[in-house]
Amino acid sequence: DEFYNKLNKTLIYFSNLFDLKVIVAMHPSSNEKNASYLSNFEITKERSMDLIPESEIIVFSYSSLISNAVMFKKKIISINSYTMGDFLNNLIEKYRKSLNLFSVNIDDPINLNLSQANKKMDFAVNNYDNYIKKKINAAGKMSAKKQVVENIKKNFFN
């Protein structure tokens, strides 16, 4: 599969650049064939959300778990590819813009050094607090349940 071949090359590049071991947490719906494309790396059945706290850098395409990485103030590399289609690429782009993420199109050759990559990721990490305040914890310390009730009241009974 073209996507997994490109992903494999990209992960090898980043593993060498950062001198870090790559651990791949496959999506639960992924099959064995997809995992075989990434046989250069440790493949784990452990849940992605459980790996995030101990990870130094998180590589995402699109996942709701990106908020977890933000909450743990992790460096994030956002990847996209034409092979993912317009719908997913548009969702990835929304995250990239709102978080100022370091983004890589895996269809194109990557040519950057360690300093450039770290600078781009550090810039994003420095903006996480704004994202957390605006998107993740918009209602402050109000519980999620109370937020839902308040929004229903406001939108339907006022």
Protein backbone atom coordinates (compact mmCIF):
# COMPACT_ATOMS: atom_id res chain seq x y z
CA ASP A 1 0.00 0.00 0.00
CA GLU A 2 1.41 3.34 -1.07
CA PHE A 3 0.52 5.17 2.15
CA TYR A 4 2.28 2.65 4.40
CA ASN A 5 5.39 2.60 2.21
CA LYS A 6 5.63 6.39 2.48
CA LEU A 7 4.89 6.30 6.20
CA ASN A 8 7.64 3.72 6.69
CA LYS A 9 10.20 5.94 4.93
CA THR A 10 9.07 8.97 6.91
CA LEU A 11 9.33 7.17 10.26
CA ILE A 12 12.81 5.89 9.37
CA TYR A 13 13.82 9.46 8.51
CA PHE A 14 12.55 10.82 11.83
CA SER A 15 13.98 7.92 13.84
CA ASN A 16 17.41 8.73 12.41
CA LEU A 17 17.01 12.50 12.72
CA PHE A 18 15.96 12.43 16.38
CA ASP A 19 17.90 9.26 17.28
CA LEU A 20 14.73 7.79 18.80
CA LYS A 21 13.14 4.37 18.68
CA VAL A 22 9.79 4.32 16.87
CA ILE A 23 6.92 2.46 18.48
CA VAL A 24 3.84 2.08 16.30
CA ALA A 25 0.43 1.79 17.89
CA MET A 26 -1.79 0.65 15.04
CA HIS A 27 -5.39 1.77 14.90
CA PRO A 28 -7.64 -0.99 16.30
CA SER A 29 -9.23 -1.45 12.87
CA SER A 30 -5.86 -1.96 11.15
CA ASN A 31 -5.08 -5.39 9.78
CA GLU A 32 -1.93 -7.51 9.81
CA LYS A 33 -1.08 -6.52 6.23
CA ASN A 34 -0.87 -2.84 7.25
CA ALA A 35 1.40 -3.73 10.16
CA SER A 36 3.71 -5.67 7.84
CA TYR A 37 4.60 -2.44 6.02
CA LEU A 38 6.00 -1.12 9.30
CA SER A 39 8.00 -4.18 10.29
CA ASN A 40 11.13 -2.02 10.80
CA PHE A 41 9.54 -0.79 14.03
CA GLU A 42 8.15 -2.18 17.23
CA ILE A 43 4.41 -2.69 16.74
CA THR A 44 2.39 -2.67 19.92
CA LYS A 45 -1.18 -3.54 20.76
CA GLU A 46 -1.00 -1.14 23.68
CA ARG A 47 -3.48 1.70 23.43
CA SER A 48 -2.09 4.89 21.91
CA MET A 49 -3.43 6.94 24.80
CA ASP A 50 -1.33 4.86 27.22
CA LEU A 51 1.85 5.43 25.19
CA ILE A 52 1.55 9.21 24.94
CA PRO A 53 2.74 10.15 28.46
CA GLU A 54 6.05 8.30 28.03
CA SER A 55 6.67 9.37 24.42
CA GLU A 56 8.98 12.19 23.46
CA ILE A 57 7.49 12.91 20.02
CA ILE A 58 4.07 11.91 18.72
CA VAL A 59 3.48 11.41 14.99
CA PHE A 60 -0.18 11.78 14.03
CA SER A 61 -2.21 11.88 10.91
CA TYR A 62 -5.69 12.39 12.31
CA SER A 63 -6.82 11.25 15.72
CA SER A 64 -8.94 12.50 18.56
CA LEU A 65 -5.96 11.55 20.74
CA ILE A 66 -4.12 14.65 19.60
CA SER A 67 -5.75 16.44 22.54
CA ASN A 68 -4.07 13.97 24.91
CA ALA A 69 -0.69 14.76 23.38
CA VAL A 70 -1.41 18.47 23.78
CA MET A 71 -2.44 18.06 27.43
CA PHE A 72 0.86 16.25 28.10
CA LYS A 73 2.72 19.03 26.20
CA LYS A 74 4.26 16.56 23.76
CA LYS A 75 6.05 17.50 20.58
CA ILE A 76 3.84 16.57 17.64
CA ILE A 77 4.58 15.92 14.00
CA SER A 78 1.47 16.06 11.86
CA ILE A 79 1.60 13.99 8.69
CA ASN A 80 -0.60 14.05 5.64
CA SER A 81 -0.66 12.51 2.16
CA TYR A 82 -2.82 12.67 -0.92
CA THR A 83 -3.44 8.95 -0.35
CA MET A 84 -5.52 9.87 2.71
CA GLY A 85 -8.05 11.80 0.64
CA ASP A 86 -9.44 15.31 0.88
CA PHE A 87 -11.74 14.68 3.83
CA LEU A 88 -8.99 13.48 6.20
CA ASN A 89 -6.47 15.99 4.90
CA ASN A 90 -8.92 18.81 5.63
CA LEU A 91 -9.39 17.57 9.20
CA ILE A 92 -5.62 17.27 9.63
CA GLU A 93 -5.20 20.81 8.31
CA LYS A 94 -7.67 22.17 10.89
CA TYR A 95 -5.62 20.64 13.71
CA ARG A 96 -2.39 21.84 12.13
CA LYS A 97 -3.63 25.42 11.91
CA SER A 98 -5.26 25.60 15.33
CA LEU A 99 -2.16 24.17 17.04
CA ASN A 100 0.52 25.61 14.72
CA LEU A 101 1.83 22.06 14.31
CA PHE A 102 4.97 21.03 12.53
CA SER A 103 3.52 19.31 9.49
CA VAL A 104 5.01 17.00 6.90
CA ASN A 105 3.50 15.84 3.64
CA ILE A 106 4.86 12.30 3.34
CA ASP A 107 4.42 12.44 -0.45
CA ASP A 108 7.31 14.91 -0.66
CA PRO A 109 10.99 14.47 0.22
CA ILE A 110 11.80 15.72 3.74
CA ASN A 111 14.84 17.92 4.01
CA LEU A 112 15.40 19.50 7.39
CA ASN A 113 17.89 19.29 10.19
CA LEU A 114 17.41 18.53 13.87
CA SER A 115 17.49 22.19 14.90
CA GLN A 116 14.80 23.17 12.37
CA ALA A 117 12.52 20.31 13.39
CA ASN A 118 12.87 21.02 17.11
CA LYS A 119 12.29 24.73 16.57
CA LYS A 120 9.03 24.02 14.70
CA MET A 121 7.81 21.58 17.35
CA ASP A 122 8.79 23.86 20.25
CA PHE A 123 6.88 26.73 18.62
CA ALA A 124 3.75 24.58 18.62
CA VAL A 125 4.23 23.38 22.21
CA ASN A 126 4.46 27.02 23.32
CA ASN A 127 0.98 27.59 21.88
CA TYR A 128 -0.68 24.59 23.53
CA ASP A 129 -1.89 26.54 26.57
CA ASN A 130 -3.99 28.81 24.34
CA TYR A 131 -5.47 25.78 22.58
CA ILE A 132 -6.23 24.10 25.91
CA LYS A 133 -8.02 27.21 27.20
CA LYS A 134 -10.00 27.80 24.01
CA LYS A 135 -10.77 24.28 22.79
CA ILE A 136 -10.29 21.69 25.51
CA ASN A 137 -11.23 23.53 28.67
CA ALA A 138 -13.37 26.32 27.27
CA ALA A 139 -15.72 26.38 30.28
CA GLY A 140 -12.98 26.44 32.89
CA LYS A 141 -13.52 24.10 35.83
CA MET A 142 -17.15 23.36 34.95
CA SER A 143 -17.74 19.62 34.57
CA ALA A 144 -18.59 18.24 31.13
CA LYS A 145 -22.05 17.21 32.38
CA LYS A 146 -22.77 20.72 33.65
CA GLN A 147 -21.46 22.22 30.38
CA VAL A 148 -23.93 20.11 28.39
CA VAL A 149 -26.85 21.10 30.64
CA GLU A 150 -25.90 24.78 30.46
CA ASN A 151 -25.57 24.67 26.67
CA ILE A 152 -28.98 22.99 26.30
CA LYS A 153 -30.57 25.61 28.57
CA LYS A 154 -28.90 28.46 26.69
CA ASN A 155 -29.64 27.19 23.20
CA PHE A 156 -33.15 25.77 23.66
CA PHE A 157 -34.80 27.51 26.60
CA ASN A 158 -33.78 31.15 26.31
